[in-house]
Amino acid sequence: MFLLFCKKIDANEFLHPHQKLYNHREKQRFVLYADNNVEIGEMTWVNAGESVMIINHTYVDEGHRGKKLAEKLVLSGVKKARKDNKKIMPLCPFAKKEFDIKNEYEDVLKK
């Protein structure tokens, strides 16, 4: 039943072999799981109309910080926005910092 509600996405190529990243479409969140299917991180968003995603939360469990997992979660949001032809409004402080320092995200930044 778990796989009915989520889709494994291609950002897994950037993760440790025992970690998985899923897009929970219905809940508007990307979730990172460790090899024991324990949730270790997430990024959530809300849609603001048809063309804007608002990233409102990014979290990585303390035991997994410092591994650039939060960056990978935000990158997954950027990839989704590009695929869906949307812009992102990064309200989450971490996501905002990522957009401030990564010029390559400018194409999806809602100005």
PDB file of N, CA and C in Angstrom:
ATOM      1  N   MET A   1       0.817  -1.190   0.000  1.00  0.00           N
ATOM      2  CA  MET A   1       0.000   0.000   0.000  1.00  0.00           C
ATOM      3  C   MET A   1       0.863   1.256   0.000  1.00  0.00           C
ATOM      4  N   PHE A   2       2.018   1.204   0.621  1.00  0.00           N
ATOM      5  CA  PHE A   2       2.904   2.360   0.668  1.00  0.00           C
ATOM      6  C   PHE A   2       3.200   2.904  -0.726  1.00  0.00           C
ATOM      7  N   LEU A   3       3.480   2.045  -1.676  1.00  0.00           N
ATOM      8  CA  LEU A   3       3.844   2.508  -3.013  1.00  0.00           C
ATOM      9  C   LEU A   3       2.671   3.081  -3.792  1.00  0.00           C
ATOM     10  N   LEU A   4       1.459   2.879  -3.354  1.00  0.00           N
ATOM     11  CA  LEU A   4       0.319   3.496  -4.014  1.00  0.00           C
ATOM     12  C   LEU A   4       0.272   5.001  -3.765  1.00  0.00           C
ATOM     13  N   PHE A   5       0.879   5.458  -2.694  1.00  0.00           N
ATOM     14  CA  PHE A   5       0.786   6.850  -2.305  1.00  0.00           C
ATOM     15  C   PHE A   5       2.052   7.642  -2.573  1.00  0.00           C
ATOM     16  N   CYS A   6       3.049   7.011  -3.117  1.00  0.00           N
ATOM     17  CA  CYS A   6       4.273   7.741  -3.385  1.00  0.00           C
ATOM     18  C   CYS A   6       4.953   7.181  -4.621  1.00  0.00           C
ATOM     19  N   LYS A   7       5.870   7.954  -5.147  1.00  0.00           N
ATOM     20  CA  LYS A   7       6.590   7.574  -6.347  1.00  0.00           C
ATOM     21  C   LYS A   7       8.073   7.800  -6.115  1.00  0.00           C
ATOM     22  N   LYS A   8       8.871   6.782  -6.335  1.00  0.00           N
ATOM     23  CA  LYS A   8      10.311   6.926  -6.215  1.00  0.00           C
ATOM     24  C   LYS A   8      10.771   7.837  -7.346  1.00  0.00           C
ATOM     25  N   ILE A   9      11.648   8.811  -7.048  1.00  0.00           N
ATOM     26  CA  ILE A   9      12.046   9.766  -8.069  1.00  0.00           C
ATOM     27  C   ILE A   9      13.527   9.679  -8.382  1.00  0.00           C
ATOM     28  N   ASP A  10      13.922  10.293  -9.490  1.00  0.00           N
ATOM     29  CA  ASP A  10      15.269  10.133 -10.025  1.00  0.00           C
ATOM     30  C   ASP A  10      16.369  10.776  -9.202  1.00  0.00           C
ATOM     31  N   ALA A  11      16.071  11.604  -8.231  1.00  0.00           N
ATOM     32  CA  ALA A  11      17.110  12.222  -7.412  1.00  0.00           C
ATOM     33  C   ALA A  11      17.826  11.184  -6.564  1.00  0.00           C
ATOM     34  N   ASN A  12      17.340   9.945  -6.547  1.00  0.00           N
ATOM     35  CA  ASN A  12      17.997   8.894  -5.785  1.00  0.00           C
ATOM     36  C   ASN A  12      19.439   8.687  -6.227  1.00  0.00           C
ATOM     37  N   GLU A  13      19.781   9.081  -7.436  1.00  0.00           N
ATOM     38  CA  GLU A  13      21.155   8.921  -7.918  1.00  0.00           C
ATOM     39  C   GLU A  13      22.146   9.712  -7.078  1.00  0.00           C
ATOM     40  N   PHE A  14      21.685  10.712  -6.315  1.00  0.00           N
ATOM     41  CA  PHE A  14      22.560  11.542  -5.502  1.00  0.00           C
ATOM     42  C   PHE A  14      22.665  11.066  -4.061  1.00  0.00           C
ATOM     43  N   LEU A  15      21.935  10.039  -3.704  1.00  0.00           N
ATOM     44  CA  LEU A  15      21.845   9.604  -2.323  1.00  0.00           C
ATOM     45  C   LEU A  15      22.729   8.403  -2.050  1.00  0.00           C
ATOM     46  N   HIS A  16      22.956   8.150  -0.775  1.00  0.00           N
ATOM     47  CA  HIS A  16      23.633   6.947  -0.329  1.00  0.00           C
ATOM     48  C   HIS A  16      22.797   5.754  -0.801  1.00  0.00           C
ATOM     49  N   PRO A  17      23.425   4.639  -1.138  1.00  0.00           N
ATOM     50  CA  PRO A  17      22.661   3.493  -1.663  1.00  0.00           C
ATOM     51  C   PRO A  17      21.533   3.013  -0.755  1.00  0.00           C
ATOM     52  N   HIS A  18      21.620   3.299   0.548  1.00  0.00           N
ATOM     53  CA  HIS A  18      20.593   2.821   1.471  1.00  0.00           C
ATOM     54  C   HIS A  18      19.543   3.889   1.785  1.00  0.00           C
ATOM     55  N   GLN A  19      19.546   4.989   1.035  1.00  0.00           N
ATOM     56  CA  GLN A  19      18.549   6.032   1.235  1.00  0.00           C
ATOM     57  C   GLN A  19      17.693   6.134  -0.021  1.00  0.00           C
ATOM     58  N   LYS A  20      16.436   6.498   0.170  1.00  0.00           N
ATOM     59  CA  LYS A  20      15.513   6.626  -0.954  1.00  0.00           C
ATOM     60  C   LYS A  20      14.751   7.937  -0.800  1.00  0.00           C
ATOM     61  N   LEU A  21      14.458   8.573  -1.932  1.00  0.00           N
ATOM     62  CA  LEU A  21      13.686   9.805  -1.942  1.00  0.00           C
ATOM     63  C   LEU A  21      12.390   9.543  -2.688  1.00  0.00           C
ATOM     64  N   TYR A  22      11.273   9.881  -2.062  1.00  0.00           N
ATOM     65  CA  TYR A  22       9.972   9.679  -2.670  1.00  0.00           C
ATOM     66  C   TYR A  22       9.206  10.982  -2.747  1.00  0.00           C
ATOM     67  N   ASN A  23       8.384  11.097  -3.772  1.00  0.00           N
ATOM     68  CA  ASN A  23       7.484  12.230  -3.942  1.00  0.00           C
ATOM     69  C   ASN A  23       6.097  11.764  -3.522  1.00  0.00           C
ATOM     70  N   HIS A  24       5.627  12.251  -2.391  1.00  0.00           N
ATOM     71  CA  HIS A  24       4.265  11.960  -1.942  1.00  0.00           C
ATOM     72  C   HIS A  24       3.370  13.031  -2.561  1.00  0.00           C
ATOM     73  N   ARG A  25       2.880  12.759  -3.752  1.00  0.00           N
ATOM     74  CA  ARG A  25       2.123  13.760  -4.510  1.00  0.00           C
ATOM     75  C   ARG A  25       0.900  14.270  -3.758  1.00  0.00           C
ATOM     76  N   GLU A  26       0.143  13.365  -3.166  1.00  0.00           N
ATOM     77  CA  GLU A  26      -1.092  13.773  -2.502  1.00  0.00           C
ATOM     78  C   GLU A  26      -0.828  14.677  -1.300  1.00  0.00           C
ATOM     79  N   LYS A  27       0.317  14.473  -0.655  1.00  0.00           N
ATOM     80  CA  LYS A  27       0.640  15.252   0.538  1.00  0.00           C
ATOM     81  C   LYS A  27       1.582  16.407   0.222  1.00  0.00           C
ATOM     82  N   GLN A  28       1.958  16.581  -1.021  1.00  0.00           N
ATOM     83  CA  GLN A  28       2.844  17.646  -1.475  1.00  0.00           C
ATOM     84  C   GLN A  28       4.125  17.676  -0.643  1.00  0.00           C
ATOM     85  N   ARG A  29       4.837  16.567  -0.675  1.00  0.00           N
ATOM     86  CA  ARG A  29       6.086  16.490   0.069  1.00  0.00           C
ATOM     87  C   ARG A  29       7.030  15.492  -0.569  1.00  0.00           C
ATOM     88  N   PHE A  30       8.300  15.792  -0.474  1.00  0.00           N
ATOM     89  CA  PHE A  30       9.351  14.841  -0.809  1.00  0.00           C
ATOM     90  C   PHE A  30       9.840  14.295   0.515  1.00  0.00           C
ATOM     91  N   VAL A  31      10.045  12.987   0.581  1.00  0.00           N
ATOM     92  CA  VAL A  31      10.456  12.345   1.820  1.00  0.00           C
ATOM     93  C   VAL A  31      11.680  11.483   1.569  1.00  0.00           C
ATOM     94  N   LEU A  32      12.665  11.611   2.461  1.00  0.00           N
ATOM     95  CA  LEU A  32      13.850  10.763   2.432  1.00  0.00           C
ATOM     96  C   LEU A  32      13.677   9.637   3.441  1.00  0.00           C
ATOM     97  N   TYR A  33      13.964   8.410   3.009  1.00  0.00           N
ATOM     98  CA  TYR A  33      13.898   7.258   3.892  1.00  0.00           C
ATOM     99  C   TYR A  33      15.273   6.610   3.980  1.00  0.00           C
ATOM    100  N   ALA A  34      15.632   6.146   5.159  1.00  0.00           N
ATOM    101  CA  ALA A  34      16.836   5.339   5.338  1.00  0.00           C
ATOM    102  C   ALA A  34      16.518   3.919   4.887  1.00  0.00           C
ATOM    103  N   ASP A  35      17.531   3.066   4.867  1.00  0.00           N
ATOM    104  CA  ASP A  35      17.344   1.708   4.369  1.00  0.00           C
ATOM    105  C   ASP A  35      16.341   0.901   5.184  1.00  0.00           C
ATOM    106  N   ASN A  36      16.087   1.284   6.417  1.00  0.00           N
ATOM    107  CA  ASN A  36      15.115   0.571   7.252  1.00  0.00           C
ATOM    108  C   ASN A  36      13.725   1.193   7.163  1.00  0.00           C
ATOM    109  N   ASN A  37      13.493   2.001   6.101  1.00  0.00           N
ATOM    110  CA  ASN A  37      12.220   2.685   5.844  1.00  0.00           C
ATOM    111  C   ASN A  37      11.826   3.667   6.942  1.00  0.00           C
ATOM    112  N   VAL A  38      12.826   4.175   7.663  1.00  0.00           N
ATOM    113  CA  VAL A  38      12.588   5.219   8.647  1.00  0.00           C
ATOM    114  C   VAL A  38      12.742   6.559   7.942  1.00  0.00           C
ATOM    115  N   GLU A  39      11.774   7.433   8.143  1.00  0.00           N
ATOM    116  CA  GLU A  39      11.812   8.762   7.525  1.00  0.00           C
ATOM    117  C   GLU A  39      12.930   9.583   8.165  1.00  0.00           C
ATOM    118  N   ILE A  40      13.831  10.134   7.322  1.00  0.00           N
ATOM    119  CA  ILE A  40      14.950  10.913   7.860  1.00  0.00           C
ATOM    120  C   ILE A  40      14.943  12.358   7.383  1.00  0.00           C
ATOM    121  N   GLY A  41      14.043  12.712   6.493  1.00  0.00           N
ATOM    122  CA  GLY A  41      13.975  14.092   6.038  1.00  0.00           C
ATOM    123  C   GLY A  41      12.769  14.325   5.153  1.00  0.00           C
ATOM    124  N   GLU A  42      12.411  15.619   5.015  1.00  0.00           N
ATOM    125  CA  GLU A  42      11.286  15.958   4.151  1.00  0.00           C
ATOM    126  C   GLU A  42      11.387  17.408   3.695  1.00  0.00           C
ATOM    127  N   MET A  43      10.730  17.675   2.579  1.00  0.00           N
ATOM    128  CA  MET A  43      10.498  19.030   2.114  1.00  0.00           C
ATOM    129  C   MET A  43       9.042  19.090   1.708  1.00  0.00           C
ATOM    130  N   THR A  44       8.319  20.095   2.213  1.00  0.00           N
ATOM    131  CA  THR A  44       6.906  20.214   1.876  1.00  0.00           C
ATOM    132  C   THR A  44       6.667  21.502   1.101  1.00  0.00           C
ATOM    133  N   TRP A  45       5.581  21.485   0.340  1.00  0.00           N
ATOM    134  CA  TRP A  45       5.190  22.671  -0.412  1.00  0.00           C
ATOM    135  C   TRP A  45       3.679  22.726  -0.501  1.00  0.00           C
ATOM    136  N   VAL A  46       3.181  23.902  -0.825  1.00  0.00           N
ATOM    137  CA  VAL A  46       1.770  24.071  -1.160  1.00  0.00           C
ATOM    138  C   VAL A  46       1.719  24.717  -2.528  1.00  0.00           C
ATOM    139  N   ASN A  47       0.698  24.382  -3.274  1.00  0.00           N
ATOM    140  CA  ASN A  47       0.510  25.009  -4.574  1.00  0.00           C
ATOM    141  C   ASN A  47      -0.273  26.301  -4.391  1.00  0.00           C
ATOM    142  N   ALA A  48       0.182  27.345  -5.061  1.00  0.00           N
ATOM    143  CA  ALA A  48      -0.517  28.631  -5.056  1.00  0.00           C
ATOM    144  C   ALA A  48      -0.989  28.854  -6.485  1.00  0.00           C
ATOM    145  N   GLY A  49      -2.147  28.333  -6.783  1.00  0.00           N
ATOM    146  CA  GLY A  49      -2.634  28.383  -8.148  1.00  0.00           C
ATOM    147  C   GLY A  49      -1.967  27.311  -8.994  1.00  0.00           C
ATOM    148  N   GLU A  50      -2.064  27.488 -10.292  1.00  0.00           N
ATOM    149  CA  GLU A  50      -1.530  26.493 -11.227  1.00  0.00           C
ATOM    150  C   GLU A  50      -0.035  26.639 -11.497  1.00  0.00           C
ATOM    151  N   SER A  51       0.541  27.795 -11.180  1.00  0.00           N
ATOM    152  CA  SER A  51       1.906  28.041 -11.645  1.00  0.00           C
ATOM    153  C   SER A  51       2.939  28.308 -10.555  1.00  0.00           C
ATOM    154  N   VAL A  52       2.563  28.196  -9.276  1.00  0.00           N
ATOM    155  CA  VAL A  52       3.513  28.510  -8.202  1.00  0.00           C
ATOM    156  C   VAL A  52       3.492  27.416  -7.132  1.00  0.00           C
ATOM    157  N   MET A  53       4.692  26.997  -6.731  1.00  0.00           N
ATOM    158  CA  MET A  53       4.892  26.108  -5.585  1.00  0.00           C
ATOM    159  C   MET A  53       5.506  26.953  -4.475  1.00  0.00           C
ATOM    160  N   ILE A  54       4.975  26.856  -3.279  1.00  0.00           N
ATOM    161  CA  ILE A  54       5.563  27.542  -2.132  1.00  0.00           C
ATOM    162  C   ILE A  54       6.243  26.483  -1.270  1.00  0.00           C
ATOM    163  N   ILE A  55       7.582  26.523  -1.206  1.00  0.00           N
ATOM    164  CA  ILE A  55       8.304  25.606  -0.321  1.00  0.00           C
ATOM    165  C   ILE A  55       8.205  26.201   1.078  1.00  0.00           C
ATOM    166  N   ASN A  56       7.527  25.464   1.971  1.00  0.00           N
ATOM    167  CA  ASN A  56       7.266  26.007   3.299  1.00  0.00           C
ATOM    168  C   ASN A  56       7.980  25.280   4.433  1.00  0.00           C
ATOM    169  N   HIS A  57       8.702  24.194   4.119  1.00  0.00           N
ATOM    170  CA  HIS A  57       9.345  23.439   5.202  1.00  0.00           C
ATOM    171  C   HIS A  57      10.386  22.496   4.628  1.00  0.00           C
ATOM    172  N   THR A  58      11.558  22.470   5.245  1.00  0.00           N
ATOM    173  CA  THR A  58      12.599  21.494   4.928  1.00  0.00           C
ATOM    174  C   THR A  58      13.165  21.004   6.250  1.00  0.00           C
ATOM    175  N   TYR A  59      13.325  19.695   6.375  1.00  0.00           N
ATOM    176  CA  TYR A  59      13.831  19.126   7.627  1.00  0.00           C
ATOM    177  C   TYR A  59      14.649  17.879   7.321  1.00  0.00           C
ATOM    178  N   VAL A  60      15.763  17.718   8.053  1.00  0.00           N
ATOM    179  CA  VAL A  60      16.554  16.484   8.028  1.00  0.00           C
ATOM    180  C   VAL A  60      16.837  16.112   9.480  1.00  0.00           C
ATOM    181  N   ASP A  61      16.641  14.847   9.804  1.00  0.00           N
ATOM    182  CA  ASP A  61      16.890  14.329  11.137  1.00  0.00           C
ATOM    183  C   ASP A  61      18.328  14.654  11.564  1.00  0.00           C
ATOM    184  N   GLU A  62      18.492  14.992  12.842  1.00  0.00           N
ATOM    185  CA  GLU A  62      19.806  15.403  13.357  1.00  0.00           C
ATOM    186  C   GLU A  62      20.913  14.406  13.040  1.00  0.00           C
ATOM    187  N   GLY A  63      20.621  13.139  13.093  1.00  0.00           N
ATOM    188  CA  GLY A  63      21.636  12.119  12.836  1.00  0.00           C
ATOM    189  C   GLY A  63      22.087  12.039  11.386  1.00  0.00           C
ATOM    190  N   HIS A  64      21.405  12.749  10.497  1.00  0.00           N
ATOM    191  CA  HIS A  64      21.726  12.692   9.075  1.00  0.00           C
ATOM    192  C   HIS A  64      22.100  14.060   8.507  1.00  0.00           C
ATOM    193  N   ARG A  65      22.263  15.036   9.377  1.00  0.00           N
ATOM    194  CA  ARG A  65      22.632  16.377   8.908  1.00  0.00           C
ATOM    195  C   ARG A  65      24.094  16.404   8.496  1.00  0.00           C
ATOM    196  N   GLY A  66      24.435  17.406   7.692  1.00  0.00           N
ATOM    197  CA  GLY A  66      25.806  17.547   7.224  1.00  0.00           C
ATOM    198  C   GLY A  66      26.127  16.673   6.021  1.00  0.00           C
ATOM    199  N   LYS A  67      25.132  16.037   5.433  1.00  0.00           N
ATOM    200  CA  LYS A  67      25.333  15.147   4.287  1.00  0.00           C
ATOM    201  C   LYS A  67      24.710  15.720   3.022  1.00  0.00           C
ATOM    202  N   LYS A  68      24.316  16.994   3.068  1.00  0.00           N
ATOM    203  CA  LYS A  68      23.710  17.704   1.940  1.00  0.00           C
ATOM    204  C   LYS A  68      22.350  17.127   1.530  1.00  0.00           C
ATOM    205  N   LEU A  69      21.676  16.471   2.466  1.00  0.00           N
ATOM    206  CA  LEU A  69      20.369  15.894   2.158  1.00  0.00           C
ATOM    207  C   LEU A  69      19.303  16.966   1.994  1.00  0.00           C
ATOM    208  N   ALA A  70      19.351  18.013   2.817  1.00  0.00           N
ATOM    209  CA  ALA A  70      18.369  19.102   2.667  1.00  0.00           C
ATOM    210  C   ALA A  70      18.536  19.777   1.316  1.00  0.00           C
ATOM    211  N   GLU A  71      19.785  19.948   0.882  1.00  0.00           N
ATOM    212  CA  GLU A  71      20.037  20.519  -0.443  1.00  0.00           C
ATOM    213  C   GLU A  71      19.428  19.651  -1.531  1.00  0.00           C
ATOM    214  N   LYS A  72      19.513  18.337  -1.365  1.00  0.00           N
ATOM    215  CA  LYS A  72      18.958  17.414  -2.354  1.00  0.00           C
ATOM    216  C   LYS A  72      17.434  17.464  -2.360  1.00  0.00           C
ATOM    217  N   LEU A  73      16.850  17.698  -1.193  1.00  0.00           N
ATOM    218  CA  LEU A  73      15.399  17.848  -1.142  1.00  0.00           C
ATOM    219  C   LEU A  73      14.962  19.099  -1.905  1.00  0.00           C
ATOM    220  N   VAL A  74      15.662  20.212  -1.681  1.00  0.00           N
ATOM    221  CA  VAL A  74      15.316  21.448  -2.399  1.00  0.00           C
ATOM    222  C   VAL A  74      15.549  21.262  -3.896  1.00  0.00           C
ATOM    223  N   LEU A  75      16.636  20.606  -4.271  1.00  0.00           N
ATOM    224  CA  LEU A  75      16.895  20.334  -5.682  1.00  0.00           C
ATOM    225  C   LEU A  75      15.755  19.520  -6.299  1.00  0.00           C
ATOM    226  N   SER A  76      15.200  18.593  -5.549  1.00  0.00           N
ATOM    227  CA  SER A  76      14.061  17.815  -6.043  1.00  0.00           C
ATOM    228  C   SER A  76      12.868  18.717  -6.317  1.00  0.00           C
ATOM    229  N   GLY A  77      12.651  19.702  -5.442  1.00  0.00           N
ATOM    230  CA  GLY A  77      11.585  20.674  -5.678  1.00  0.00           C
ATOM    231  C   GLY A  77      11.841  21.499  -6.923  1.00  0.00           C
ATOM    232  N   VAL A  78      13.090  21.889  -7.126  1.00  0.00           N
ATOM    233  CA  VAL A  78      13.458  22.660  -8.321  1.00  0.00           C
ATOM    234  C   VAL A  78      13.211  21.823  -9.575  1.00  0.00           C
ATOM    235  N   LYS A  79      13.614  20.561  -9.535  1.00  0.00           N
ATOM    236  CA  LYS A  79      13.393  19.683 -10.691  1.00  0.00           C
ATOM    237  C   LYS A  79      11.900  19.513 -10.976  1.00  0.00           C
ATOM    238  N   LYS A  80      11.110  19.382  -9.916  1.00  0.00           N
ATOM    239  CA  LYS A  80       9.663  19.248 -10.100  1.00  0.00           C
ATOM    240  C   LYS A  80       9.091  20.517 -10.718  1.00  0.00           C
ATOM    241  N   ALA A  81       9.514  21.677 -10.235  1.00  0.00           N
ATOM    242  CA  ALA A  81       9.021  22.945 -10.781  1.00  0.00           C
ATOM    243  C   ALA A  81       9.377  23.062 -12.259  1.00  0.00           C
ATOM    244  N   ARG A  82      10.586  22.702 -12.621  1.00  0.00           N
ATOM    245  CA  ARG A  82      10.982  22.760 -14.039  1.00  0.00           C
ATOM    246  C   ARG A  82      10.129  21.807 -14.874  1.00  0.00           C
ATOM    247  N   LYS A  83       9.946  20.606 -14.381  1.00  0.00           N
ATOM    248  CA  LYS A  83       9.158  19.602 -15.110  1.00  0.00           C
ATOM    249  C   LYS A  83       7.712  20.064 -15.286  1.00  0.00           C
ATOM    250  N   ASP A  84       7.154  20.685 -14.241  1.00  0.00           N
ATOM    251  CA  ASP A  84       5.752  21.105 -14.258  1.00  0.00           C
ATOM    252  C   ASP A  84       5.560  22.537 -14.749  1.00  0.00           C
ATOM    253  N   ASN A  85       6.670  23.178 -15.183  1.00  0.00           N
ATOM    254  CA  ASN A  85       6.629  24.563 -15.667  1.00  0.00           C
ATOM    255  C   ASN A  85       6.030  25.505 -14.615  1.00  0.00           C
ATOM    256  N   LYS A  86       6.566  25.402 -13.387  1.00  0.00           N
ATOM    257  CA  LYS A  86       6.097  26.231 -12.281  1.00  0.00           C
ATOM    258  C   LYS A  86       7.237  27.099 -11.757  1.00  0.00           C
ATOM    259  N   LYS A  87       6.884  28.090 -10.977  1.00  0.00           N
ATOM    260  CA  LYS A  87       7.840  28.921 -10.260  1.00  0.00           C
ATOM    261  C   LYS A  87       7.774  28.549  -8.790  1.00  0.00           C
ATOM    262  N   ILE A  88       8.857  28.822  -8.061  1.00  0.00           N
ATOM    263  CA  ILE A  88       8.922  28.498  -6.634  1.00  0.00           C
ATOM    264  C   ILE A  88       9.046  29.775  -5.821  1.00  0.00           C
ATOM    265  N   MET A  89       8.263  29.829  -4.756  1.00  0.00           N
ATOM    266  CA  MET A  89       8.395  30.875  -3.751  1.00  0.00           C
ATOM    267  C   MET A  89       8.961  30.182  -2.502  1.00  0.00           C
ATOM    268  N   PRO A  90      10.245  30.383  -2.203  1.00  0.00           N
ATOM    269  CA  PRO A  90      10.861  29.682  -1.068  1.00  0.00           C
ATOM    270  C   PRO A  90      10.625  30.421   0.259  1.00  0.00           C
ATOM    271  N   LEU A  91       9.587  30.067   0.977  1.00  0.00           N
ATOM    272  CA  LEU A  91       9.309  30.696   2.271  1.00  0.00           C
ATOM    273  C   LEU A  91      10.065  30.030   3.414  1.00  0.00           C
ATOM    274  N   CYS A  92      10.396  28.778   3.274  1.00  0.00           N
ATOM    275  CA  CYS A  92      11.208  28.071   4.256  1.00  0.00           C
ATOM    276  C   CYS A  92      12.586  28.736   4.298  1.00  0.00           C
ATOM    277  N   PRO A  93      13.111  29.076   5.476  1.00  0.00           N
ATOM    278  CA  PRO A  93      14.417  29.744   5.552  1.00  0.00           C
ATOM    279  C   PRO A  93      15.540  28.978   4.872  1.00  0.00           C
ATOM    280  N   PHE A  94      15.560  27.652   5.009  1.00  0.00           N
ATOM    281  CA  PHE A  94      16.623  26.887   4.358  1.00  0.00           C
ATOM    282  C   PHE A  94      16.499  26.963   2.838  1.00  0.00           C
ATOM    283  N   ALA A  95      15.302  26.775   2.321  1.00  0.00           N
ATOM    284  CA  ALA A  95      15.094  26.843   0.870  1.00  0.00           C
ATOM    285  C   ALA A  95      15.437  28.243   0.358  1.00  0.00           C
ATOM    286  N   LYS A  96      15.071  29.271   1.104  1.00  0.00           N
ATOM    287  CA  LYS A  96      15.392  30.641   0.698  1.00  0.00           C
ATOM    288  C   LYS A  96      16.899  30.820   0.590  1.00  0.00           C
ATOM    289  N   LYS A  97      17.634  30.293   1.558  1.00  0.00           N
ATOM    290  CA  LYS A  97      19.100  30.373   1.520  1.00  0.00           C
ATOM    291  C   LYS A  97      19.645  29.667   0.272  1.00  0.00           C
ATOM    292  N   GLU A  98      19.088  28.519  -0.039  1.00  0.00           N
ATOM    293  CA  GLU A  98      19.531  27.788  -1.228  1.00  0.00           C
ATOM    294  C   GLU A  98      19.300  28.624  -2.494  1.00  0.00           C
ATOM    295  N   PHE A  99      18.161  29.267  -2.588  1.00  0.00           N
ATOM    296  CA  PHE A  99      17.867  30.104  -3.753  1.00  0.00           C
ATOM    297  C   PHE A  99      18.756  31.343  -3.778  1.00  0.00           C
ATOM    298  N   ASP A 100      19.120  31.849  -2.608  1.00  0.00           N
ATOM    299  CA  ASP A 100      19.998  33.021  -2.546  1.00  0.00           C
ATOM    300  C   ASP A 100      21.409  32.710  -3.030  1.00  0.00           C
ATOM    301  N   ILE A 101      21.891  31.488  -2.793  1.00  0.00           N
ATOM    302  CA  ILE A 101      23.282  31.172  -3.135  1.00  0.00           C
ATOM    303  C   ILE A 101      23.440  30.392  -4.441  1.00  0.00           C
ATOM    304  N   LYS A 102      22.363  29.874  -4.990  1.00  0.00           N
ATOM    305  CA  LYS A 102      22.461  29.047  -6.205  1.00  0.00           C
ATOM    306  C   LYS A 102      21.804  29.754  -7.382  1.00  0.00           C
ATOM    307  N   ASN A 103      22.619  30.405  -8.179  1.00  0.00           N
ATOM    308  CA  ASN A 103      22.116  31.119  -9.356  1.00  0.00           C
ATOM    309  C   ASN A 103      21.404  30.192 -10.335  1.00  0.00           C
ATOM    310  N   GLU A 104      21.755  28.920 -10.330  1.00  0.00           N
ATOM    311  CA  GLU A 104      21.141  27.977 -11.268  1.00  0.00           C
ATOM    312  C   GLU A 104      19.662  27.724 -10.969  1.00  0.00           C
ATOM    313  N   TYR A 105      19.165  28.204  -9.828  1.00  0.00           N
ATOM    314  CA  TYR A 105      17.749  28.060  -9.502  1.00  0.00           C
ATOM    315  C   TYR A 105      16.931  29.270  -9.941  1.00  0.00           C
ATOM    316  N   GLU A 106      17.595  30.274 -10.474  1.00  0.00           N
ATOM    317  CA  GLU A 106      16.914  31.529 -10.818  1.00  0.00           C
ATOM    318  C   GLU A 106      15.776  31.350 -11.817  1.00  0.00           C
ATOM    319  N   ASP A 107      15.888  30.350 -12.702  1.00  0.00           N
ATOM    320  CA  ASP A 107      14.852  30.139 -13.717  1.00  0.00           C
ATOM    321  C   ASP A 107      13.503  29.745 -13.132  1.00  0.00           C
ATOM    322  N   VAL A 108      13.505  29.213 -11.902  1.00  0.00           N
ATOM    323  CA  VAL A 108      12.241  28.803 -11.292  1.00  0.00           C
ATOM    324  C   VAL A 108      11.848  29.688 -10.101  1.00  0.00           C
ATOM    325  N   LEU A 109      12.627  30.693  -9.803  1.00  0.00           N
ATOM    326  CA  LEU A 109      12.338  31.569  -8.674  1.00  0.00           C
ATOM    327  C   LEU A 109      11.194  32.527  -9.008  1.00  0.00           C
ATOM    328  N   LYS A 110      10.180  32.546  -8.172  1.00  0.00           N
ATOM    329  CA  LYS A 110       9.060  33.489  -8.328  1.00  0.00           C
ATOM    330  C   LYS A 110       9.531  34.830  -7.803  1.00  0.00           C
ATOM    331  N   LYS A 111       9.510  35.823  -8.693  1.00  0.00           N
ATOM    332  CA  LYS A 111       9.987  37.166  -8.323  1.00  0.00           C
ATOM    333  C   LYS A 111       8.853  38.114  -8.100  1.00  0.00           C
TER     334      LYS A 111
END
